[in-house]
C-alpha atoms as a PDB file:
ATOM      1  CA  MET A   1     -21.269  -9.047   8.812  1.00  0.00           C
ATOM      2  CA  THR A   2     -20.504 -10.042  12.330  1.00  0.00           C
ATOM      3  CA  LEU A   3     -17.257  -8.256  12.689  1.00  0.00           C
ATOM      4  CA  ARG A   4     -17.554  -5.109  14.847  1.00  0.00           C
ATOM      5  CA  VAL A   5     -15.882  -2.034  13.358  1.00  0.00           C
ATOM      6  CA  ARG A   6     -15.605   1.700  13.983  1.00  0.00           C
ATOM      7  CA  PRO A   7     -15.544   3.969  10.967  1.00  0.00           C
ATOM      8  CA  MET A   8     -12.642   6.314  10.316  1.00  0.00           C
ATOM      9  CA  ALA A   9     -12.499   9.431   8.228  1.00  0.00           C
ATOM     10  CA  PRO A  10     -12.446   9.919   5.226  1.00  0.00           C
ATOM     11  CA  PHE A  11     -12.405   6.119   4.842  1.00  0.00           C
ATOM     12  CA  GLY A  12     -11.292   2.791   6.544  1.00  0.00           C
ATOM     13  CA  VAL A  13     -12.495   1.192   9.668  1.00  0.00           C
ATOM     14  CA  GLU A  14     -10.959   0.174  13.019  1.00  0.00           C
ATOM     15  CA  LEU A  15     -11.651  -3.527  13.976  1.00  0.00           C
ATOM     16  CA  LEU A  16     -13.084  -4.129  17.450  1.00  0.00           C
ATOM     17  CA  GLY A  17     -13.118  -7.065  19.578  1.00  0.00           C
ATOM     18  CA  VAL A  18     -11.157  -9.479  17.455  1.00  0.00           C
ATOM     19  CA  ASP A  19      -7.680 -10.962  18.345  1.00  0.00           C
ATOM     20  CA  LEU A  20      -5.984 -11.419  15.083  1.00  0.00           C
ATOM     21  CA  ARG A  21      -3.211 -13.458  16.759  1.00  0.00           C
ATOM     22  CA  ARG A  22      -5.642 -16.328  16.901  1.00  0.00           C
ATOM     23  CA  ASP A  23      -6.765 -18.443  13.813  1.00  0.00           C
ATOM     24  CA  LEU A  24     -10.115 -17.002  12.742  1.00  0.00           C
ATOM     25  CA  PRO A  25     -12.716 -19.328  11.362  1.00  0.00           C
ATOM     26  CA  ALA A  26     -12.795 -19.392   7.499  1.00  0.00           C
ATOM     27  CA  SER A  27     -16.132 -17.575   7.470  1.00  0.00           C
ATOM     28  CA  ARG A  28     -14.720 -14.653   9.673  1.00  0.00           C
ATOM     29  CA  LEU A  29     -11.454 -14.501   7.705  1.00  0.00           C
ATOM     30  CA  GLY A  30     -13.620 -14.241   4.653  1.00  0.00           C
ATOM     31  CA  GLU A  31     -15.586 -11.243   6.178  1.00  0.00           C
ATOM     32  CA  LEU A  32     -12.176  -9.653   7.056  1.00  0.00           C
ATOM     33  CA  ARG A  33     -11.060 -10.040   3.446  1.00  0.00           C
ATOM     34  CA  ARG A  34     -14.219  -8.592   2.117  1.00  0.00           C
ATOM     35  CA  LEU A  35     -13.855  -5.715   4.683  1.00  0.00           C
ATOM     36  CA  ILE A  36     -10.441  -4.739   3.446  1.00  0.00           C
ATOM     37  CA  VAL A  37     -11.454  -4.945  -0.166  1.00  0.00           C
ATOM     38  CA  GLU A  38     -14.445  -2.764   0.300  1.00  0.00           C
ATOM     39  CA  GLU A  39     -13.035  -0.236   2.828  1.00  0.00           C
ATOM     40  CA  GLY A  40      -9.414  -0.242   1.459  1.00  0.00           C
ATOM     41  CA  LEU A  41      -7.903  -0.119   4.962  1.00  0.00           C
ATOM     42  CA  VAL A  42      -8.513  -1.898   8.291  1.00  0.00           C
ATOM     43  CA  LEU A  43      -6.837  -0.852  11.570  1.00  0.00           C
ATOM     44  CA  ALA A  44      -6.361  -3.444  14.362  1.00  0.00           C
ATOM     45  CA  ARG A  45      -4.753  -2.935  17.797  1.00  0.00           C
ATOM     46  CA  GLU A  46      -2.435  -5.921  18.372  1.00  0.00           C
ATOM     47  CA  PRO A  47      -0.001  -4.876  21.127  1.00  0.00           C
ATOM     48  CA  SER A  48       1.226  -8.598  21.710  1.00  0.00           C
ATOM     49  CA  MET A  49       1.483  -9.906  18.230  1.00  0.00           C
ATOM     50  CA  THR A  50       4.704 -11.692  17.330  1.00  0.00           C
ATOM     51  CA  PRO A  51       6.318 -11.694  13.918  1.00  0.00           C
ATOM     52  CA  GLU A  52       5.468 -15.194  13.616  1.00  0.00           C
ATOM     53  CA  GLU A  53       1.713 -14.538  14.359  1.00  0.00           C
ATOM     54  CA  GLN A  54       1.729 -11.621  11.804  1.00  0.00           C
ATOM     55  CA  CYS A  55       3.356 -13.928   9.177  1.00  0.00           C
ATOM     56  CA  ARG A  56       0.796 -16.690   9.906  1.00  0.00           C
ATOM     57  CA  LEU A  57      -2.038 -14.117   9.540  1.00  0.00           C
ATOM     58  CA  GLY A  58      -0.611 -12.969   6.169  1.00  0.00           C
ATOM     59  CA  THR A  59      -0.464 -16.482   4.787  1.00  0.00           C
ATOM     60  CA  ARG A  60      -4.222 -16.732   5.182  1.00  0.00           C
ATOM     61  CA  PHE A  61      -4.607 -13.996   2.615  1.00  0.00           C
ATOM     62  CA  GLY A  62      -2.290 -15.467   0.085  1.00  0.00           C
ATOM     63  CA  GLN A  63       1.342 -16.237  -0.715  1.00  0.00           C
ATOM     64  CA  ILE A  64       3.797 -14.026   0.987  1.00  0.00           C
ATOM     65  CA  GLU A  65       6.189 -12.049  -1.174  1.00  0.00           C
ATOM     66  CA  THR A  66       9.869 -12.607  -0.620  1.00  0.00           C
ATOM     67  CA  LEU A  67      11.173  -9.005  -0.020  1.00  0.00           C
ATOM     68  CA  SER A  68      14.677  -7.557  -0.260  1.00  0.00           C
ATOM     69  CA  LEU A  69      15.765  -4.284   1.227  1.00  0.00           C
ATOM     70  CA  ASP A  70      19.319  -4.180  -0.280  1.00  0.00           C
ATOM     71  CA  GLY A  71      22.223  -6.208  -1.211  1.00  0.00           C
ATOM     72  CA  GLY A  72      20.324  -9.658  -1.163  1.00  0.00           C
ATOM     73  CA  ARG A  73      19.213  -9.162   2.494  1.00  0.00           C
ATOM     74  CA  ARG A  74      15.888 -11.062   2.283  1.00  0.00           C
ATOM     75  CA  SER A  75      13.133 -12.174   4.536  1.00  0.00           C
ATOM     76  CA  PRO A  76      10.894 -15.126   3.820  1.00  0.00           C
ATOM     77  CA  GLY A  77       7.921 -13.545   5.543  1.00  0.00           C
ATOM     78  CA  VAL A  78       8.381 -10.417   7.815  1.00  0.00           C
ATOM     79  CA  LEU A  79      10.360  -7.458   6.410  1.00  0.00           C
ATOM     80  CA  ILE A  80      11.836  -5.275   9.137  1.00  0.00           C
ATOM     81  CA  VAL A  81      11.631  -1.683   7.963  1.00  0.00           C
ATOM     82  CA  SER A  82      13.754   0.338  10.460  1.00  0.00           C
ATOM     83  CA  ASN A  83      16.536   2.916  10.824  1.00  0.00           C
ATOM     84  CA  VAL A  84      18.097   0.654  13.442  1.00  0.00           C
ATOM     85  CA  ALA A  85      20.744  -1.925  12.956  1.00  0.00           C
ATOM     86  CA  ASP A  86      20.756  -5.393  14.531  1.00  0.00           C
ATOM     87  CA  ASP A  87      23.054  -4.077  17.188  1.00  0.00           C
ATOM     88  CA  GLY A  88      20.792  -1.352  18.132  1.00  0.00           C
ATOM     89  CA  SER A  89      22.758   1.503  16.506  1.00  0.00           C
ATOM     90  CA  VAL A  90      21.177   4.062  14.279  1.00  0.00           C
ATOM     91  CA  LEU A  91      21.912   3.507  10.630  1.00  0.00           C
ATOM     92  CA  GLY A  92      23.969   6.018   8.701  1.00  0.00           C
ATOM     93  CA  ALA A  93      22.338   8.146   5.912  1.00  0.00           C
ATOM     94  CA  SER A  94      24.272   6.184   3.198  1.00  0.00           C
ATOM     95  CA  ASP A  95      23.001   2.851   4.317  1.00  0.00           C
ATOM     96  CA  ALA A  96      20.939   1.110   1.555  1.00  0.00           C
ATOM     97  CA  ARG A  97      18.230   0.542   4.122  1.00  0.00           C
ATOM     98  CA  MET A  98      17.864   4.394   4.648  1.00  0.00           C
ATOM     99  CA  ARG A  99      17.482   4.910   0.948  1.00  0.00           C
ATOM    100  CA  THR A 100      14.619   2.535   0.930  1.00  0.00           C
ATOM    101  CA  LEU A 101      12.950   4.533   3.794  1.00  0.00           C
ATOM    102  CA  ALA A 102      13.366   7.630   1.660  1.00  0.00           C
ATOM    103  CA  LEU A 103      11.568   6.005  -1.284  1.00  0.00           C
ATOM    104  CA  ASN A 104       8.698   5.155   1.032  1.00  0.00           C
ATOM    105  CA  LYS A 105       8.091   8.834   1.560  1.00  0.00           C
ATOM    106  CA  ARG A 106       6.638   9.117  -1.823  1.00  0.00           C
ATOM    107  CA  TRP A 107       3.111   8.070  -2.803  1.00  0.00           C
ATOM    108  CA  HIS A 108       3.059   4.379  -4.041  1.00  0.00           C
ATOM    109  CA  THR A 109       1.388   1.080  -4.084  1.00  0.00           C
ATOM    110  CA  ASP A 110       3.562  -1.868  -3.063  1.00  0.00           C
ATOM    111  CA  SER A 111       5.379  -3.869  -5.607  1.00  0.00           C
ATOM    112  CA  SER A 112       4.275  -1.979  -8.530  1.00  0.00           C
ATOM    113  CA  PHE A 113       7.570  -2.640  -9.842  1.00  0.00           C
ATOM    114  CA  ARG A 114       6.534  -6.334 -10.559  1.00  0.00           C
ATOM    115  CA  GLU A 115       4.529  -7.632 -13.437  1.00  0.00           C
ATOM    116  CA  ILE A 116       2.011  -8.851 -10.778  1.00  0.00           C
ATOM    117  CA  PRO A 117       1.954  -6.212  -7.933  1.00  0.00           C
ATOM    118  CA  ALA A 118       1.037  -6.931  -4.348  1.00  0.00           C
ATOM    119  CA  ALA A 119      -2.404  -7.647  -3.305  1.00  0.00           C
ATOM    120  CA  PHE A 120      -2.460  -6.888   0.461  1.00  0.00           C
ATOM    121  CA  SER A 121      -0.129  -5.362   3.008  1.00  0.00           C
ATOM    122  CA  LEU A 122       0.042  -5.876   6.721  1.00  0.00           C
ATOM    123  CA  LEU A 123       2.201  -3.232   8.578  1.00  0.00           C
ATOM    124  CA  ARG A 124       2.647  -3.285  12.239  1.00  0.00           C
ATOM    125  CA  ALA A 125       4.347  -0.691  14.395  1.00  0.00           C
ATOM    126  CA  VAL A 126       7.047  -2.172  16.877  1.00  0.00           C
ATOM    127  CA  ARG A 127       8.873   1.119  17.919  1.00  0.00           C
ATOM    128  CA  VAL A 128       7.845   4.515  16.963  1.00  0.00           C
ATOM    129  CA  PRO A 129       9.411   7.901  17.404  1.00  0.00           C
ATOM    130  CA  ASP A 130       7.897  10.592  19.668  1.00  0.00           C
ATOM    131  CA  THR A 131       7.000  12.617  16.730  1.00  0.00           C
ATOM    132  CA  GLY A 132       6.767  12.034  12.876  1.00  0.00           C
ATOM    133  CA  GLY A 133       6.820   8.683  11.156  1.00  0.00           C
ATOM    134  CA  ASP A 134       3.023   8.770  10.501  1.00  0.00           C
ATOM    135  CA  THR A 135       1.719   6.893   7.353  1.00  0.00           C
ATOM    136  CA  PHE A 136      -0.710   8.535   4.941  1.00  0.00           C
ATOM    137  CA  PHE A 137      -3.231   6.630   2.822  1.00  0.00           C
ATOM    138  CA  ALA A 138      -5.217   7.726  -0.206  1.00  0.00           C
ATOM    139  CA  SER A 139      -7.994   5.864  -2.151  1.00  0.00           C
ATOM    140  CA  LEU A 140      -7.557   5.280  -5.776  1.00  0.00           C
ATOM    141  CA  ARG A 141     -11.045   4.047  -6.102  1.00  0.00           C
ATOM    142  CA  ARG A 142     -12.459   7.219  -4.528  1.00  0.00           C
ATOM    143  CA  ALA A 143     -10.479   9.342  -6.866  1.00  0.00           C
ATOM    144  CA  TRP A 144     -11.810   7.373  -9.833  1.00  0.00           C
ATOM    145  CA  ASP A 145     -15.281   7.765  -8.592  1.00  0.00           C
ATOM    146  CA  ALA A 146     -14.795  11.584  -8.417  1.00  0.00           C
ATOM    147  CA  LEU A 147     -13.875  11.943 -12.107  1.00  0.00           C
ATOM    148  CA  THR A 148     -16.431  13.099 -14.657  1.00  0.00           C
ATOM    149  CA  PRO A 149     -17.488  10.474 -17.251  1.00  0.00           C
ATOM    150  CA  GLU A 150     -15.542  12.470 -19.974  1.00  0.00           C
ATOM    151  CA  ALA A 151     -12.324  12.324 -17.746  1.00  0.00           C
ATOM    152  CA  ARG A 152     -12.862   8.609 -17.230  1.00  0.00           C
ATOM    153  CA  THR A 153     -13.257   7.858 -20.906  1.00  0.00           C
ATOM    154  CA  ALA A 154     -10.039   9.797 -21.783  1.00  0.00           C
ATOM    155  CA  LEU A 155      -8.054   7.495 -19.449  1.00  0.00           C
ATOM    156  CA  TYR A 156      -9.194   3.988 -20.871  1.00  0.00           C
ATOM    157  CA  GLY A 157      -6.298   2.242 -22.502  1.00  0.00           C
ATOM    158  CA  LEU A 158      -3.556   4.337 -21.170  1.00  0.00           C
ATOM    159  CA  ARG A 159      -0.555   2.739 -19.383  1.00  0.00           C
ATOM    160  CA  ALA A 160       1.667   4.539 -16.775  1.00  0.00           C
ATOM    161  CA  VAL A 161       5.341   3.630 -16.811  1.00  0.00           C
ATOM    162  CA  HIS A 162       6.534   2.638 -13.249  1.00  0.00           C
ATOM    163  CA  ASP A 163      10.051   3.694 -12.724  1.00  0.00           C
ATOM    164  CA  TYR A 164      12.222   2.032  -9.962  1.00  0.00           C
ATOM    165  CA  THR A 165      15.473   2.248 -11.893  1.00  0.00           C
ATOM    166  CA  ASP A 166      16.967   3.936  -8.898  1.00  0.00           C
ATOM    167  CA  MET A 167      16.653   0.579  -7.135  1.00  0.00           C
ATOM    168  CA  GLY A 168      18.270  -1.180 -10.186  1.00  0.00           C
ATOM    169  CA  LEU A 169      14.835  -2.453 -11.597  1.00  0.00           C
ATOM    170  CA  PRO A 170      13.620  -2.238 -15.256  1.00  0.00           C
ATOM    171  CA  LEU A 171      10.853  -0.035 -16.249  1.00  0.00           C
ATOM    172  CA  ILE A 172       7.432  -1.619 -16.185  1.00  0.00           C
ATOM    173  CA  ALA A 173       4.075  -0.330 -17.442  1.00  0.00           C
ATOM    174  CA  HIS A 174       0.570  -0.996 -15.991  1.00  0.00           C
ATOM    175  CA  PRO A 175      -2.846   0.253 -17.103  1.00  0.00           C
ATOM    176  CA  ILE A 176      -3.953   3.607 -15.369  1.00  0.00           C
ATOM    177  CA  VAL A 177      -7.492   2.353 -14.919  1.00  0.00           C
ATOM    178  CA  ARG A 178      -7.671  -1.098 -13.452  1.00  0.00           C
ATOM    179  CA  ALA A 179     -10.499  -3.489 -12.654  1.00  0.00           C
ATOM    180  CA  HIS A 180     -10.225  -4.930  -9.019  1.00  0.00           C
ATOM    181  CA  PRO A 181      -9.844  -8.686  -9.440  1.00  0.00           C
ATOM    182  CA  GLU A 182     -12.251  -9.331  -6.481  1.00  0.00           C
ATOM    183  CA  SER A 183     -14.818  -6.658  -6.418  1.00  0.00           C
ATOM    184  CA  GLY A 184     -14.694  -5.931 -10.230  1.00  0.00           C
ATOM    185  CA  ARG A 185     -14.905  -2.219  -9.386  1.00  0.00           C
ATOM    186  CA  PRO A 186     -12.701   0.214 -11.526  1.00  0.00           C
ATOM    187  CA  GLY A 187     -10.119   2.514  -9.915  1.00  0.00           C
ATOM    188  CA  LEU A 188      -6.950   4.392 -10.849  1.00  0.00           C
ATOM    189  CA  PHE A 189      -3.634   2.861 -10.575  1.00  0.00           C
ATOM    190  CA  LEU A 190      -0.605   5.171 -10.402  1.00  0.00           C
ATOM    191  CA  SER A 191       1.935   6.462  -8.081  1.00  0.00           C
ATOM    192  CA  ASP A 192       4.726   8.890  -7.545  1.00  0.00           C
ATOM    193  CA  HIS A 193       6.953   6.313  -9.070  1.00  0.00           C
ATOM    194  CA  ALA A 194       5.079   6.422 -12.457  1.00  0.00           C
ATOM    195  CA  PRO A 195       6.058   9.671 -14.147  1.00  0.00           C
ATOM    196  CA  THR A 196       5.298   8.960 -17.705  1.00  0.00           C
ATOM    197  CA  ILE A 197       2.658   7.370 -19.936  1.00  0.00           C
ATOM    198  CA  GLU A 198       3.378   4.994 -22.744  1.00  0.00           C
ATOM    199  CA  GLY A 199       2.934   6.665 -26.163  1.00  0.00           C
ATOM    200  CA  GLU A 200       2.663  10.220 -24.872  1.00  0.00           C
ATOM    201  CA  THR A 201       5.183  12.945 -24.834  1.00  0.00           C
ATOM    202  CA  GLU A 202       7.108  13.122 -21.527  1.00  0.00           C
ATOM    203  CA  SER A 203       5.608  16.488 -20.813  1.00  0.00           C
ATOM    204  CA  ARG A 204       2.027  15.490 -21.554  1.00  0.00           C
ATOM    205  CA  GLY A 205       2.235  12.184 -19.721  1.00  0.00           C
ATOM    206  CA  ARG A 206       3.820  13.823 -16.671  1.00  0.00           C
ATOM    207  CA  ALA A 207       1.196  16.611 -16.432  1.00  0.00           C
ATOM    208  CA  LEU A 208      -1.659  14.268 -16.724  1.00  0.00           C
ATOM    209  CA  LEU A 209      -0.270  11.840 -13.976  1.00  0.00           C
ATOM    210  CA  LYS A 210       0.629  14.759 -11.652  1.00  0.00           C
ATOM    211  CA  ARG A 211      -2.935  16.096 -11.986  1.00  0.00           C
ATOM    212  CA  LEU A 212      -4.461  12.666 -11.259  1.00  0.00           C
ATOM    213  CA  LEU A 213      -2.087  12.067  -8.390  1.00  0.00           C
ATOM    214  CA  ALA A 214      -2.938  15.543  -6.871  1.00  0.00           C
ATOM    215  CA  GLY A 215      -6.721  14.707  -7.113  1.00  0.00           C
ATOM    216  CA  CYS A 216      -6.060  11.327  -5.166  1.00  0.00           C
ATOM    217  CA  THR A 217      -4.184  12.874  -2.484  1.00  0.00           C
ATOM    218  CA  ARG A 218      -6.021  15.940  -1.637  1.00  0.00           C
ATOM    219  CA  GLU A 219      -5.830  16.748   2.101  1.00  0.00           C
ATOM    220  CA  THR A 220      -9.583  16.089   2.679  1.00  0.00           C
ATOM    221  CA  GLU A 221      -9.118  12.588   0.904  1.00  0.00           C
ATOM    222  CA  VAL A 222      -6.209  11.379   2.918  1.00  0.00           C
ATOM    223  CA  TYR A 223      -6.156   9.223   6.062  1.00  0.00           C
ATOM    224  CA  ARG A 224      -3.368   9.900   8.269  1.00  0.00           C
ATOM    225  CA  HIS A 225      -2.264   7.270  10.736  1.00  0.00           C
ATOM    226  CA  THR A 226      -0.388   8.217  13.858  1.00  0.00           C
ATOM    227  CA  TRP A 227       1.198   5.056  14.958  1.00  0.00           C
ATOM    228  CA  SER A 228       1.278   3.589  18.527  1.00  0.00           C
ATOM    229  CA  ALA A 229       3.361   0.437  19.168  1.00  0.00           C
ATOM    230  CA  GLY A 230       1.195  -2.603  18.395  1.00  0.00           C
ATOM    231  CA  ASP A 231      -0.928  -0.948  15.774  1.00  0.00           C
ATOM    232  CA  LEU A 232      -1.634  -3.195  12.657  1.00  0.00           C
ATOM    233  CA  VAL A 233      -2.923  -1.822   9.448  1.00  0.00           C
ATOM    234  CA  LEU A 234      -4.041  -4.095   6.624  1.00  0.00           C
ATOM    235  CA  TRP A 235      -4.767  -2.576   3.245  1.00  0.00           C
ATOM    236  CA  ASP A 236      -5.523  -3.433  -0.298  1.00  0.00           C
ATOM    237  CA  ASN A 237      -2.798  -2.312  -2.677  1.00  0.00           C
ATOM    238  CA  ARG A 238      -5.121  -2.664  -5.514  1.00  0.00           C
ATOM    239  CA  SER A 239      -7.041   0.372  -4.534  1.00  0.00           C
ATOM    240  CA  MET A 240      -4.959   2.307  -2.046  1.00  0.00           C
ATOM    241  CA  LEU A 241      -1.972   4.581  -2.157  1.00  0.00           C
ATOM    242  CA  HIS A 242       0.343   5.121   0.802  1.00  0.00           C
ATOM    243  CA  ARG A 243       3.413   7.101   1.928  1.00  0.00           C
ATOM    244  CA  ALA A 244       5.472   7.556   5.002  1.00  0.00           C
ATOM    245  CA  GLN A 245       6.159  10.753   6.838  1.00  0.00           C
ATOM    246  CA  GLY A 246       9.602  11.676   7.565  1.00  0.00           C
ATOM    247  CA  PHE A 247      10.951  11.806  11.129  1.00  0.00           C
ATOM    248  CA  ASP A 248      13.979  12.417  13.222  1.00  0.00           C
ATOM    249  CA  GLU A 249      16.344   9.546  12.000  1.00  0.00           C
ATOM    250  CA  GLN A 250      18.315   9.747  15.246  1.00  0.00           C
ATOM    251  CA  SER A 251      15.006   8.394  16.878  1.00  0.00           C
ATOM    252  CA  ALA A 252      14.303   4.668  16.420  1.00  0.00           C
ATOM    253  CA  ARG A 253      11.262   3.559  14.298  1.00  0.00           C
ATOM    254  CA  THR A 254      10.830  -0.156  13.646  1.00  0.00           C
ATOM    255  CA  MET A 255       7.929  -1.451  11.556  1.00  0.00           C
ATOM    256  CA  HIS A 256       7.274  -5.213  10.619  1.00  0.00           C
ATOM    257  CA  HIS A 257       5.776  -5.566   7.147  1.00  0.00           C
ATOM    258  CA  VAL A 258       4.215  -8.557   5.604  1.00  0.00           C
ATOM    259  CA  ARG A 259       3.256  -8.262   1.910  1.00  0.00           C
ATOM    260  CA  ILE A 260       0.929 -10.507   0.111  1.00  0.00           C
ATOM    261  CA  ALA A 261       1.574 -11.213  -3.453  1.00  0.00           C
ATOM    262  CA  GLY A 262      -0.979 -10.667  -6.199  1.00  0.00           C
ATOM    263  CA  THR A 263      -2.207 -13.506  -8.189  1.00  0.00           C
ATOM    264  CA  GLU A 264      -2.627 -11.863 -11.721  1.00  0.00           C
ATOM    265  CA  PRO A 265      -1.217  -8.979 -13.845  1.00  0.00           C
ATOM    266  CA  VAL A 266      -3.054  -5.592 -13.518  1.00  0.00           C
ATOM    267  CA  ILE A 267      -6.431  -5.942 -15.205  1.00  0.00           C
ATOM    268  CA  ALA A 268      -7.355  -3.051 -17.508  1.00  0.00           C
ATOM    269  CA  ALA A 269     -10.736  -1.656 -16.894  1.00  0.00           C
ATOM    270  CA  THR A 270     -12.581  -0.665 -20.013  1.00  0.00           C
ATOM    271  CA  SER A 271     -15.705   1.397 -20.772  1.00  0.00           C
ATOM    272  CA  GLY A 272     -17.751  -1.798 -20.669  1.00  0.00           C
ATOM    273  CA  HIS A 273     -17.023  -2.300 -16.946  1.00  0.00           C
ATOM    274  CA  PRO A 274     -19.713  -1.262 -14.509  1.00  0.00           C
ATOM    275  CA  THR A 275     -19.252   2.327 -13.342  1.00  0.00           C
ATOM    276  CA  TRP A 276     -20.635   1.657  -9.932  1.00  0.00           C
END
């Protein structure tokens, strides 16, 4: 590994001495990808990065998802996540884009409403409020590693139902225990948007998922990022949860989000997978 990094707590690393606006050689890009997969999250300081440069970096990790915030408003690359309209005015609470911001306050992985959820995300701060608006991250792999062998065995074969019907999307179920398609390592796959389990009573399924999520998101197991303008966080949705902190919505907050599509449906881990 030739990339210089500084460890963060309880997980993740800050990338040092690399300008991601420039095209990295294939070997170093491969190192960066492996670093994100292994650590779950990588922070870079890119105060001068343009949306075009962020999008170009994203394309080197895979196909960029076409995202829609509301009413068919789509972006072919960079999604602007903001409480500010194009004319500079602060959006009203009833605006559909504000409802999307509210959804982001719950623990989730990007695009779990799709048959093939997102692989990576690249989120960059453009304008941040004086207080609030932090992003919290939790490791689904670390949570799996912390379970007892008996608890792991009980989870194999279960599928959580991800519910985004409040966004007009159909229900979709994914395995609770997934095998990472690149590392092969098992980990949990759940979120605040997955309230039930296929084949279980609603109360039993909800109780189990709530308990698992609480284990994932214990305060000591959460990395909290307080943004400065220009910060770029790259993370692996196949092993990470995240959520946004609320903030004074009369203060401007603008983030640029590039989301990399996955390449396969969620792979169910089985007892035959390595336990690592």
